[in-house]
Amino acid sequence: MSISQARATFRQLHDSGCFVIPNPWDVGTARYLRYCGFKALATTSSGAAFSMGLPDTDWAVTRDMMLAHIRTIVEATELPVNADFESGYAHEPEAVAESVRLCVETGVAGLSIEDATGDKSKPLYDLGTAVARMRAARRAIDQSGADVILVGRAECFLVGRPDLDETIARLDAYASAGADCLYAPGIRTAEQIAAVVKAVAPKPVNVLMSAATGLTVADLAGLGVRRISVGGALARVAWGAFMRAAREIATEGRFDAFADAVPMAEINGFFRDDLKGRAG
């Protein structure tokens, strides 16, 4: 599948139904998620950062580092990839536009721009600035001629401002500024999700899932959610198993956690078959 075909497929996925867009953090996880039958993938800034031995912040993981990571995930499979592109690695709208242009060049089928500033004293851009940044991102995509989905993220619930009315107002503004898909990470209840879906309709909504919600794919589809991502959760599951096993060895001198390890034959067999398949 060519990049243009992947982008067209990704656009079609947003037209109807509900799909899960899981978040790999390296080539191996991307290829295994493809094997599982998922129709699209999304990068995770936290999973990428942890794999580099860094915290999930845009001052630790630079724009160039993230662009290289995004390109690696894009090239790992033929599936459409949505980039978790933080706040565009810039403050001013024109600088955001330049970052978006570079991200589009990696071959992504979609990218998200969030409204968090990274400044605890002022965690969100004021609405006017946030809208200007979204318009700049939209303009950069349009000027590229690439059919790339723009996702507008309202970070209210993640930065200590869990105000549903403000969240919806921001998402509405981002939709008007050119966002194709809306995303409010941190909303968890069925009532919150239904309210966001209704407020921004007919634009599609992405929901970030965690175990705490108890909601299933079928539940979210019933609420009108178009796509479901898991952020860094899969990476943290892997890190959880690794950390528990390492601590057990270091503190108790025991290796019991190895009982949960995937058999060597299974994982090595998967990658052997995957390599043969890609070789034709």
Protein backbone atom coordinates (compact mmCIF):
# COMPACT_ATOMS: atom_id res chain seq x y z
CA MET A 1 0.00 0.00 0.00
CA SER A 2 1.42 3.39 -1.01
CA ILE A 3 1.43 6.40 1.32
CA SER A 4 -1.42 7.99 -0.65
CA GLN A 5 -3.42 4.76 -0.41
CA ALA A 6 -2.78 4.53 3.32
CA ARG A 7 -4.01 8.09 3.74
CA ALA A 8 -7.14 7.39 1.72
CA THR A 9 -7.81 4.27 3.79
CA PHE A 10 -7.35 6.25 7.00
CA ARG A 11 -9.80 8.90 5.82
CA GLN A 12 -12.36 6.18 5.05
CA LEU A 13 -11.98 4.71 8.54
CA HIS A 14 -13.17 8.04 9.93
CA ASP A 15 -16.31 8.09 7.79
CA SER A 16 -18.33 5.48 9.68
CA GLY A 17 -18.14 2.79 12.34
CA CYS A 18 -15.61 2.52 15.14
CA PHE A 19 -12.02 1.29 15.04
CA VAL A 20 -9.20 0.81 17.54
CA ILE A 21 -5.93 2.56 16.72
CA PRO A 22 -3.33 1.04 19.10
CA ASN A 23 0.00 2.66 19.89
CA PRO A 24 3.26 0.80 19.18
CA TRP A 25 6.57 2.20 20.33
CA ASP A 26 9.03 0.41 18.05
CA VAL A 27 9.20 -1.60 14.83
CA GLY A 28 8.53 -4.94 16.50
CA THR A 29 5.39 -3.79 18.29
CA ALA A 30 4.13 -2.08 15.13
CA ARG A 31 4.49 -5.27 13.13
CA TYR A 32 2.83 -7.39 15.79
CA LEU A 33 -0.15 -5.03 15.97
CA ARG A 34 -0.47 -5.33 12.20
CA TYR A 35 -0.47 -9.12 12.60
CA CYS A 36 -3.29 -8.79 15.14
CA GLY A 37 -5.45 -7.27 12.42
CA PHE A 38 -5.63 -3.62 13.45
CA LYS A 39 -6.38 -1.30 10.55
CA ALA A 40 -4.28 1.67 11.63
CA LEU A 41 -1.63 2.61 14.19
CA ALA A 42 -0.73 5.68 16.22
CA THR A 43 2.57 6.68 17.74
CA THR A 44 2.81 7.37 21.46
CA SER A 45 5.02 10.17 22.73
CA SER A 46 5.44 8.47 26.11
CA GLY A 47 6.22 5.04 24.66
CA ALA A 48 8.74 6.61 22.29
CA ALA A 49 10.35 8.63 25.08
CA PHE A 50 10.67 5.66 27.44
CA SER A 51 12.28 3.57 24.68
CA MET A 52 14.91 6.33 24.40
CA GLY A 53 15.47 6.45 28.15
CA LEU A 54 13.83 9.87 28.42
CA PRO A 55 10.80 11.43 30.13
CA ASP A 56 7.72 12.24 28.07
CA THR A 57 8.34 15.94 27.53
CA ASP A 58 9.08 17.90 24.37
CA TRP A 59 12.18 19.46 25.95
CA ALA A 60 13.69 15.98 26.44
CA VAL A 61 12.52 14.46 23.17
CA THR A 62 13.24 17.05 20.50
CA ARG A 63 11.27 17.59 17.32
CA ASP A 64 13.96 15.95 15.21
CA MET A 65 14.07 12.93 17.52
CA MET A 66 10.31 12.52 17.35
CA LEU A 67 10.20 12.98 13.59
CA ALA A 68 12.79 10.22 13.21
CA HIS A 69 10.73 7.96 15.48
CA ILE A 70 7.51 8.70 13.59
CA ARG A 71 9.19 7.89 10.28
CA THR A 72 10.43 4.60 11.72
CA ILE A 73 6.89 3.58 12.70
CA VAL A 74 5.49 4.70 9.33
CA GLU A 75 8.06 2.58 7.52
CA ALA A 76 7.53 -0.46 9.76
CA THR A 77 4.24 -1.46 8.09
CA GLU A 78 1.96 -0.40 5.27
CA LEU A 79 -0.78 0.57 7.75
CA PRO A 80 -1.87 4.21 8.13
CA VAL A 81 -0.13 5.91 11.05
CA ASN A 82 -1.38 8.81 13.14
CA ALA A 83 1.39 10.83 14.83
CA ASP A 84 1.12 11.90 18.45
CA PHE A 85 2.77 15.22 17.67
CA GLU A 86 2.43 16.85 21.08
CA SER A 87 1.88 20.63 20.79
CA GLY A 88 3.71 20.83 17.48
CA TYR A 89 7.11 21.36 19.11
CA ALA A 90 6.59 25.10 18.85
CA HIS A 91 4.60 27.93 20.37
CA GLU A 92 3.95 30.40 17.56
CA PRO A 93 1.47 29.41 14.82
CA GLU A 94 3.97 29.77 11.97
CA ALA A 95 6.48 27.59 13.80
CA VAL A 96 3.74 24.99 14.39
CA ALA A 97 3.03 25.08 10.64
CA GLU A 98 6.68 24.32 9.88
CA SER A 99 6.67 21.40 12.32
CA VAL A 100 3.49 20.04 10.75
CA ARG A 101 5.02 20.31 7.29
CA LEU A 102 7.96 18.20 8.44
CA CYS A 103 5.66 15.66 10.09
CA VAL A 104 3.60 15.27 6.90
CA GLU A 105 6.84 14.50 5.05
CA THR A 106 7.36 11.39 7.22
CA GLY A 107 4.40 9.77 5.46
CA VAL A 108 1.86 9.93 8.28
CA ALA A 109 -1.84 9.61 7.52
CA GLY A 110 -2.82 11.79 10.47
CA LEU A 111 -1.34 13.93 13.23
CA SER A 112 -2.59 15.54 16.41
CA ILE A 113 -1.91 18.99 17.80
CA GLU A 114 -2.70 19.64 21.45
CA ASP A 115 -3.34 22.86 23.33
CA ALA A 116 -1.13 22.19 26.37
CA THR A 117 1.70 24.66 26.90
CA GLY A 118 3.95 22.59 29.15
CA ASP A 119 3.90 25.49 31.63
CA LYS A 120 2.31 24.49 34.96
CA SER A 121 1.45 28.11 35.76
CA LYS A 122 -0.51 28.39 32.50
CA PRO A 123 -1.17 24.83 31.32
CA LEU A 124 -3.33 25.66 28.28
CA TYR A 125 -2.90 28.15 25.48
CA ASP A 126 -5.60 30.79 25.56
CA LEU A 127 -8.34 29.89 23.13
CA GLY A 128 -7.41 32.51 20.53
CA THR A 129 -3.82 31.31 20.40
CA ALA A 130 -4.85 27.66 20.37
CA VAL A 131 -7.20 28.30 17.44
CA ALA A 132 -4.50 30.19 15.53
CA ARG A 133 -2.14 27.26 16.04
CA MET A 134 -4.77 24.83 14.75
CA ARG A 135 -5.42 26.99 11.70
CA ALA A 136 -1.70 27.08 10.99
CA ALA A 137 -1.54 23.29 11.18
CA ARG A 138 -4.50 23.02 8.82
CA ARG A 139 -2.90 25.44 6.38
CA ALA A 140 0.38 23.51 6.40
CA ILE A 141 -1.42 20.26 5.59
CA ASP A 142 -3.46 21.86 2.83
CA GLN A 143 -0.40 23.47 1.28
CA SER A 144 1.38 20.12 1.27
CA GLY A 145 -1.34 18.62 -0.91
CA ALA A 146 -1.40 15.53 1.32
CA ASP A 147 -4.68 14.08 2.53
CA VAL A 148 -3.63 14.00 6.18
CA ILE A 149 -6.16 13.90 9.03
CA LEU A 150 -5.72 16.75 11.54
CA VAL A 151 -6.71 15.87 15.09
CA GLY A 152 -7.50 18.71 17.49
CA ARG A 153 -6.78 17.85 21.13
CA ALA A 154 -8.21 19.63 24.17
CA GLU A 155 -5.97 18.74 27.12
CA CYS A 156 -8.17 20.22 29.86
CA PHE A 157 -8.68 16.95 31.77
CA LEU A 158 -4.97 16.09 31.65
CA VAL A 159 -3.70 19.40 33.01
CA GLY A 160 -5.95 19.76 36.03
CA ARG A 161 -8.88 21.61 34.43
CA PRO A 162 -11.57 18.90 34.17
CA ASP A 163 -14.25 21.25 32.89
CA LEU A 164 -16.44 19.54 30.32
CA ASP A 165 -17.98 22.78 29.08
CA GLU A 166 -14.56 24.32 28.44
CA THR A 167 -13.40 21.12 26.79
CA ILE A 168 -16.35 21.08 24.40
CA ALA A 169 -15.96 24.80 23.62
CA ARG A 170 -12.33 24.21 22.71
CA LEU A 171 -13.13 21.17 20.55
CA ASP A 172 -15.83 23.14 18.74
CA ALA A 173 -13.35 25.92 18.05
CA TYR A 174 -10.74 23.46 16.76
CA ALA A 175 -13.31 21.87 14.47
CA SER A 176 -14.09 25.31 13.04
CA ALA A 177 -10.35 25.94 12.63
CA GLY A 178 -9.98 22.87 10.43
CA ALA A 179 -9.54 19.84 12.68
CA ASP A 180 -10.95 16.70 11.05
CA CYS A 181 -11.17 14.67 14.26
CA LEU A 182 -11.58 15.78 17.88
CA TYR A 183 -9.92 14.34 20.95
CA ALA A 184 -10.24 15.11 24.66
CA PRO A 185 -7.90 12.72 26.50
CA GLY A 186 -8.91 12.22 30.10
CA ILE A 187 -12.68 12.05 29.73
CA ARG A 188 -13.76 8.71 31.14
CA THR A 189 -17.43 8.33 31.85
CA ALA A 190 -20.04 7.31 29.32
CA GLU A 191 -21.87 10.57 30.03
CA GLN A 192 -18.79 12.71 29.29
CA ILE A 193 -18.01 10.79 26.12
CA ALA A 194 -21.60 10.96 24.85
CA ALA A 195 -21.67 14.71 25.51
CA VAL A 196 -18.49 15.29 23.48
CA VAL A 197 -19.67 13.10 20.60
CA LYS A 198 -22.99 14.95 20.44
CA ALA A 199 -21.41 18.39 20.72
CA VAL A 200 -18.94 18.03 17.84
CA ALA A 201 -21.08 15.90 15.51
CA PRO A 202 -20.73 15.09 12.68
CA LYS A 203 -16.97 15.33 13.24
CA PRO A 204 -15.47 12.02 14.45
CA VAL A 205 -14.23 11.68 18.02
CA ASN A 206 -11.17 9.83 19.33
CA VAL A 207 -11.33 8.47 22.88
CA LEU A 208 -8.31 7.46 24.96
CA MET A 209 -9.01 4.25 26.86
CA SER A 210 -7.67 3.00 30.16
CA ALA A 211 -8.62 0.05 32.32
CA ALA A 212 -10.24 2.35 34.87
CA THR A 213 -13.26 3.12 32.69
CA GLY A 214 -14.58 -0.42 32.37
CA LEU A 215 -15.92 0.47 28.93
CA THR A 216 -15.49 -1.91 25.98
CA VAL A 217 -15.07 -1.28 22.27
CA ALA A 218 -18.73 -2.18 21.82
CA ASP A 219 -19.73 0.31 24.55
CA LEU A 220 -17.77 3.11 22.91
CA ALA A 221 -19.13 2.28 19.48
CA GLY A 222 -22.61 2.50 20.95
CA LEU A 223 -21.80 5.98 22.26
CA GLY A 224 -20.87 7.09 18.74
CA VAL A 225 -17.09 7.09 19.18
CA ARG A 226 -15.32 6.74 15.84
CA ARG A 227 -11.84 5.74 16.96
CA ILE A 228 -10.20 4.44 20.15
CA SER A 229 -6.55 4.85 21.10
CA VAL A 230 -4.64 3.57 24.13
CA GLY A 231 -1.78 6.07 24.33
CA GLY A 232 1.20 4.74 26.25
CA ALA A 233 -0.80 1.98 27.98
CA LEU A 234 0.63 -0.90 25.96
CA ALA A 235 4.16 0.40 26.53
CA ARG A 236 3.45 0.69 30.25
CA VAL A 237 2.10 -2.86 30.35
CA ALA A 238 5.38 -4.06 28.86
CA TRP A 239 7.40 -1.88 31.23
CA GLY A 240 5.33 -3.17 34.16
CA ALA A 241 6.22 -6.79 33.40
CA PHE A 242 9.89 -5.90 32.86
CA MET A 243 10.15 -3.84 36.06
CA ARG A 244 8.46 -6.47 38.22
CA ALA A 245 10.78 -9.19 36.91
CA ALA A 246 13.90 -7.05 37.30
CA ARG A 247 12.99 -6.00 40.84
CA GLU A 248 12.26 -9.60 41.81
CA ILE A 249 15.73 -10.64 40.68
CA ALA A 250 17.43 -7.64 42.32
CA THR A 251 15.62 -7.77 45.66
CA GLU A 252 14.67 -11.43 46.12
CA GLY A 253 17.06 -13.33 43.90
CA ARG A 254 14.11 -15.07 42.30
CA PHE A 255 13.08 -15.63 38.69
CA ASP A 256 9.41 -16.53 39.15
CA ALA A 257 8.22 -13.69 36.89
CA PHE A 258 9.77 -15.47 33.92
CA ALA A 259 6.82 -17.87 34.03
CA ASP A 260 4.75 -15.21 32.27
CA ALA A 261 7.28 -14.71 29.47
CA VAL A 262 6.26 -15.37 25.87
CA PRO A 263 7.94 -18.62 24.71
CA MET A 264 11.02 -17.98 22.58
CA ALA A 265 9.66 -20.20 19.80
CA GLU A 266 6.45 -18.17 19.59
CA ILE A 267 7.94 -14.68 19.35
CA ASN A 268 10.92 -15.73 17.24
CA GLY A 269 8.58 -17.66 14.96
CA PHE A 270 6.39 -14.61 14.53
CA PHE A 271 9.29 -12.41 13.44
CA ARG A 272 10.68 -15.16 11.18
CA ASP A 273 7.32 -15.50 9.42
CA ASP A 274 6.91 -11.72 9.26
CA LEU A 275 10.32 -11.35 7.62
CA LYS A 276 9.55 -14.06 5.08
CA GLY A 277 6.21 -12.41 4.30
CA ARG A 278 7.84 -9.05 3.67
CA ALA A 279 10.48 -10.68 1.50
CA GLY A 280 7.73 -12.03 -0.75
